[in-house]
């Protein structure tokens, strides 16, 4: 092999190595998957009830919290800011438009709009509060502390994340909560369900939009409570 041939081989190998390094950096090849188990692939019957959530197309999805099934209820055009179960047959969402907020009621089965009224309530803090009064406080490092009566009951850690998840809401029995997490490299937001002690976790959706959910459990009720 001549000297020029050797330089050619070195140049080719260098180019291949550069492509591999670019793929590792840009695509996250070799990164540890920090997401909890995918509930669509591995349903977990221990997670109770049904959940309303919003996907990135601004469609409201009704899903079994276990991950066993899901269906689209309606696409709203404007990402809902809040979601509610009103009763067995109706749900509602709050949109935010330049002219103000509206509470829109939908038929749960058909997705048909039933009513639209002005909405002036502020439930931002309610989303952090469980039915039993426990408050969820999110720390800068991604930890979520569960606090009641001034005492830290539990501290939930999320290891290996580039940044912390965003708290999304509680289950009506106060034993579960939901967070959204935006993975790096442009992947879609994920909706994670976590037990109160942090021991059980699952990924309900990989196409989540706004961190708005409503959760209902048969015989227990729904959370958040709908506006009066």
Protein backbone atom coordinates (compact mmCIF):
# COMPACT_ATOMS: atom_id res chain seq x y z
CA UNK A 1 0.00 0.00 0.00
CA UNK A 2 1.41 3.36 -1.01
CA UNK A 3 1.58 6.38 1.24
CA UNK A 4 -1.26 8.05 -0.68
CA UNK A 5 -3.39 4.92 -0.26
CA UNK A 6 -2.81 4.96 3.49
CA UNK A 7 -3.83 8.61 3.71
CA UNK A 8 -6.98 7.81 1.74
CA UNK A 9 -7.92 5.02 4.19
CA UNK A 10 -7.27 7.32 7.16
CA UNK A 11 -9.47 10.01 5.60
CA UNK A 12 -12.32 7.55 4.97
CA UNK A 13 -12.15 6.14 8.51
CA UNK A 14 -12.08 9.67 9.89
CA UNK A 15 -15.19 10.55 7.92
CA UNK A 16 -17.02 7.46 9.16
CA UNK A 17 -16.05 8.25 12.76
CA UNK A 18 -17.32 11.82 12.36
CA UNK A 19 -20.69 10.53 11.12
CA UNK A 20 -20.97 8.14 14.08
CA UNK A 21 -20.12 10.90 16.57
CA UNK A 22 -22.70 13.19 14.96
CA UNK A 23 -25.36 10.49 15.26
CA UNK A 24 -24.53 9.91 18.92
CA UNK A 25 -24.76 13.62 19.73
CA UNK A 26 -27.76 14.51 17.57
CA UNK A 27 -29.88 11.41 18.07
CA UNK A 28 -28.94 10.49 21.60
CA UNK A 29 -27.66 7.05 20.54
CA UNK A 30 -26.48 5.17 23.60
CA UNK A 31 -28.40 7.36 26.06
CA UNK A 32 -30.15 5.57 28.89
CA UNK A 33 -33.92 5.49 28.49
CA UNK A 34 -35.20 7.30 31.58
CA UNK A 35 -38.89 6.91 30.72
CA UNK A 36 -41.02 4.57 32.88
CA UNK A 37 -42.44 1.42 31.24
CA UNK A 38 -44.74 2.11 28.27
CA UNK A 39 -48.27 1.35 29.48
CA UNK A 40 -49.53 0.78 25.94
CA UNK A 41 -47.05 -2.07 25.57
CA UNK A 42 -47.21 -3.23 29.20
CA UNK A 43 -50.57 -2.25 30.78
CA UNK A 44 -50.53 -2.06 34.57
CA UNK A 45 -53.93 -2.96 36.10
CA UNK A 46 -52.74 -1.57 39.44
CA UNK A 47 -53.18 1.99 38.12
CA UNK A 48 -56.90 2.73 38.54
CA UNK A 49 -59.48 4.76 36.66
CA UNK A 50 -59.66 6.80 33.48
CA UNK A 51 -57.74 9.88 32.44
CA UNK A 52 -58.44 12.75 30.09
CA UNK A 53 -55.34 14.29 28.57
CA UNK A 54 -54.43 16.50 25.61
CA UNK A 55 -52.14 15.35 22.82
CA UNK A 56 -49.89 17.58 20.73
CA UNK A 57 -52.59 17.96 18.06
CA UNK A 58 -54.80 19.61 20.73
CA UNK A 59 -57.10 16.57 20.79
CA UNK A 60 -58.66 15.36 24.03
CA UNK A 61 -57.96 11.68 24.66
CA UNK A 62 -59.82 9.38 27.07
CA UNK A 63 -57.53 6.59 28.29
CA UNK A 64 -57.61 3.85 30.85
CA UNK A 65 -54.97 4.81 33.41
CA UNK A 66 -53.65 1.25 33.20
CA UNK A 67 -52.85 1.83 29.52
CA UNK A 68 -55.20 -0.91 28.30
CA UNK A 69 -57.18 1.31 25.92
CA UNK A 70 -57.71 4.86 24.71
CA UNK A 71 -59.78 6.83 22.23
CA UNK A 72 -60.02 10.34 20.87
CA UNK A 73 -62.95 12.38 22.17
CA UNK A 74 -62.57 15.63 20.24
CA UNK A 75 -59.99 17.96 18.71
CA UNK A 76 -60.32 21.50 20.02
CA UNK A 77 -58.02 23.55 17.80
CA UNK A 78 -56.82 25.52 20.82
CA UNK A 79 -54.92 23.52 23.47
CA UNK A 80 -57.17 23.16 26.54
CA UNK A 81 -55.74 24.64 29.72
CA UNK A 82 -57.93 22.65 32.13
CA UNK A 83 -59.97 19.45 31.83
CA UNK A 84 -62.92 18.18 33.90
CA UNK A 85 -65.16 15.13 34.16
CA UNK A 86 -68.63 16.60 34.76
CA UNK A 87 -70.58 13.32 35.03
CA UNK A 88 -70.78 9.95 33.29
CA UNK A 89 -71.67 11.45 29.92
CA UNK A 90 -70.14 14.93 29.84
CA UNK A 91 -66.69 16.47 30.12
CA UNK A 92 -65.50 20.07 29.94
CA UNK A 93 -62.37 21.97 29.07
CA UNK A 94 -61.14 25.53 29.48
CA UNK A 95 -59.63 27.22 26.46
CA UNK A 96 -57.67 30.44 26.44
CA UNK A 97 -58.29 32.87 23.60
CA UNK A 98 -57.39 36.59 23.26
CA UNK A 99 -60.93 37.60 24.13
CA UNK A 100 -60.95 35.58 27.37
CA UNK A 101 -61.42 32.06 28.71
CA UNK A 102 -64.34 29.77 27.94
CA UNK A 103 -65.68 26.67 29.65
CA UNK A 104 -66.70 24.30 26.87
CA UNK A 105 -68.88 21.27 27.63
CA UNK A 106 -68.68 18.19 25.39
CA UNK A 107 -70.61 14.96 25.04
CA UNK A 108 -68.11 12.31 26.13
CA UNK A 109 -69.33 9.71 23.64
CA UNK A 110 -69.58 11.83 20.49
CA UNK A 111 -67.32 14.79 21.27
CA UNK A 112 -70.13 17.15 20.26
CA UNK A 113 -70.06 20.60 21.84
CA UNK A 114 -73.02 21.10 24.20
CA UNK A 115 -72.36 24.56 25.62
CA UNK A 116 -69.82 27.36 25.88
CA UNK A 117 -69.75 29.90 28.70
CA UNK A 118 -67.33 32.52 30.01
CA UNK A 119 -64.89 31.15 32.58
CA UNK A 120 -63.35 33.41 35.22
CA UNK A 121 -62.24 30.94 37.88
CA UNK A 122 -58.56 30.43 38.68
CA UNK A 123 -57.62 26.85 39.46
CA UNK A 124 -53.85 26.97 39.03
CA UNK A 125 -53.15 26.12 42.66
CA UNK A 126 -55.88 23.48 42.68
CA UNK A 127 -53.88 21.40 40.23
CA UNK A 128 -51.08 21.07 42.80
CA UNK A 129 -53.48 20.00 45.57
CA UNK A 130 -54.68 16.45 46.15
CA UNK A 131 -58.20 15.76 47.43
CA UNK A 132 -56.77 14.88 50.87
CA UNK A 133 -55.01 18.25 51.08
CA UNK A 134 -51.51 17.10 50.13
CA UNK A 135 -49.60 19.71 48.14
CA UNK A 136 -47.08 18.93 45.41
CA UNK A 137 -44.05 21.24 45.33
CA UNK A 138 -41.63 21.03 42.45
CA UNK A 139 -37.97 21.77 43.15
CA UNK A 140 -35.45 23.21 40.73
CA UNK A 141 -33.56 19.93 40.49
CA UNK A 142 -36.67 18.03 39.37
CA UNK A 143 -37.65 16.55 42.73
CA UNK A 144 -41.30 16.64 43.72
CA UNK A 145 -42.05 16.97 47.41
CA UNK A 146 -45.44 15.98 48.80
CA UNK A 147 -46.28 18.20 51.78
CA UNK A 148 -49.24 18.32 54.17
CA UNK A 149 -49.67 20.45 57.25
CA UNK A 150 -46.17 21.83 56.73
CA UNK A 151 -44.52 18.41 56.84
CA UNK A 152 -42.72 16.71 53.95
CA UNK A 153 -44.42 13.33 53.58
CA UNK A 154 -42.54 12.02 50.57
CA UNK A 155 -39.88 13.16 48.16
CA UNK A 156 -40.04 11.73 44.64
CA UNK A 157 -36.82 11.76 42.62
CA UNK A 158 -36.45 11.45 38.87
CA UNK A 159 -32.89 10.35 38.15
CA UNK A 160 -31.06 10.72 34.86
CA UNK A 161 -33.24 13.50 33.42
CA UNK A 162 -31.86 16.50 31.54
CA UNK A 163 -34.46 18.62 33.35
CA UNK A 164 -37.33 17.99 35.72
CA UNK A 165 -40.85 16.91 34.78
CA UNK A 166 -43.83 19.24 35.09
CA UNK A 167 -46.58 18.40 37.55
CA UNK A 168 -49.93 17.80 35.81
CA UNK A 169 -52.47 16.65 38.40
CA UNK A 170 -53.72 14.18 41.00
CA UNK A 171 -55.92 11.11 41.06
CA UNK A 172 -59.19 11.44 43.02
CA UNK A 173 -58.00 9.00 45.70
CA UNK A 174 -54.81 11.05 46.28
CA UNK A 175 -52.68 7.95 45.71
CA UNK A 176 -51.35 8.81 42.22
CA UNK A 177 -50.23 11.85 40.29
CA UNK A 178 -49.27 12.70 36.73
CA UNK A 179 -46.35 14.65 35.30
CA UNK A 180 -45.27 15.56 31.80
CA UNK A 181 -41.68 15.29 30.64
CA UNK A 182 -40.11 16.68 27.47
CA UNK A 183 -37.29 14.33 26.43
CA UNK A 184 -34.26 15.82 24.65
CA UNK A 185 -33.55 15.72 20.92
CA UNK A 186 -36.99 16.93 19.87
CA UNK A 187 -39.00 13.89 20.95
CA UNK A 188 -42.63 14.47 21.89
CA UNK A 189 -43.70 15.19 25.46
CA UNK A 190 -44.54 12.16 27.58
CA UNK A 191 -47.26 11.77 30.21
CA UNK A 192 -46.07 9.76 33.22
CA UNK A 193 -48.22 8.33 36.02
CA UNK A 194 -46.55 7.92 39.42
CA UNK A 195 -47.73 6.32 42.65
CA UNK A 196 -47.71 8.51 45.72
CA UNK A 197 -44.65 6.73 47.13
CA UNK A 198 -42.87 6.83 43.77
CA UNK A 199 -42.55 3.04 43.59
CA UNK A 200 -44.87 2.46 40.61
CA UNK A 201 -44.47 4.48 37.41
CA UNK A 202 -45.68 4.22 33.85
CA UNK A 203 -45.68 6.18 30.60
CA UNK A 204 -49.29 6.64 29.52
CA UNK A 205 -48.59 8.73 26.40
CA UNK A 206 -45.66 9.82 24.24
CA UNK A 207 -47.61 12.49 22.35
CA UNK A 208 -48.75 14.69 25.23
CA UNK A 209 -49.53 18.36 24.74
CA UNK A 210 -50.41 20.79 27.54
CA UNK A 211 -49.93 19.39 31.06
CA UNK A 212 -53.68 19.26 31.68
CA UNK A 213 -55.42 16.11 32.92
CA UNK A 214 -58.61 14.99 34.63
CA UNK A 215 -58.76 11.66 36.45
CA UNK A 216 -61.76 9.66 37.62
CA UNK A 217 -62.06 6.39 39.52
CA UNK A 218 -65.33 4.45 39.80
CA UNK A 219 -66.77 4.66 43.30
CA UNK A 220 -64.32 7.41 44.29
CA UNK A 221 -65.06 10.38 42.03
CA UNK A 222 -63.15 12.72 39.74
CA UNK A 223 -60.37 15.26 40.14
CA UNK A 224 -60.12 18.16 39.71
CA UNK A 225 -63.63 19.01 40.81
CA UNK A 226 -65.61 20.78 38.08
CA UNK A 227 -66.49 24.45 38.51
CA UNK A 228 -69.84 25.14 40.12
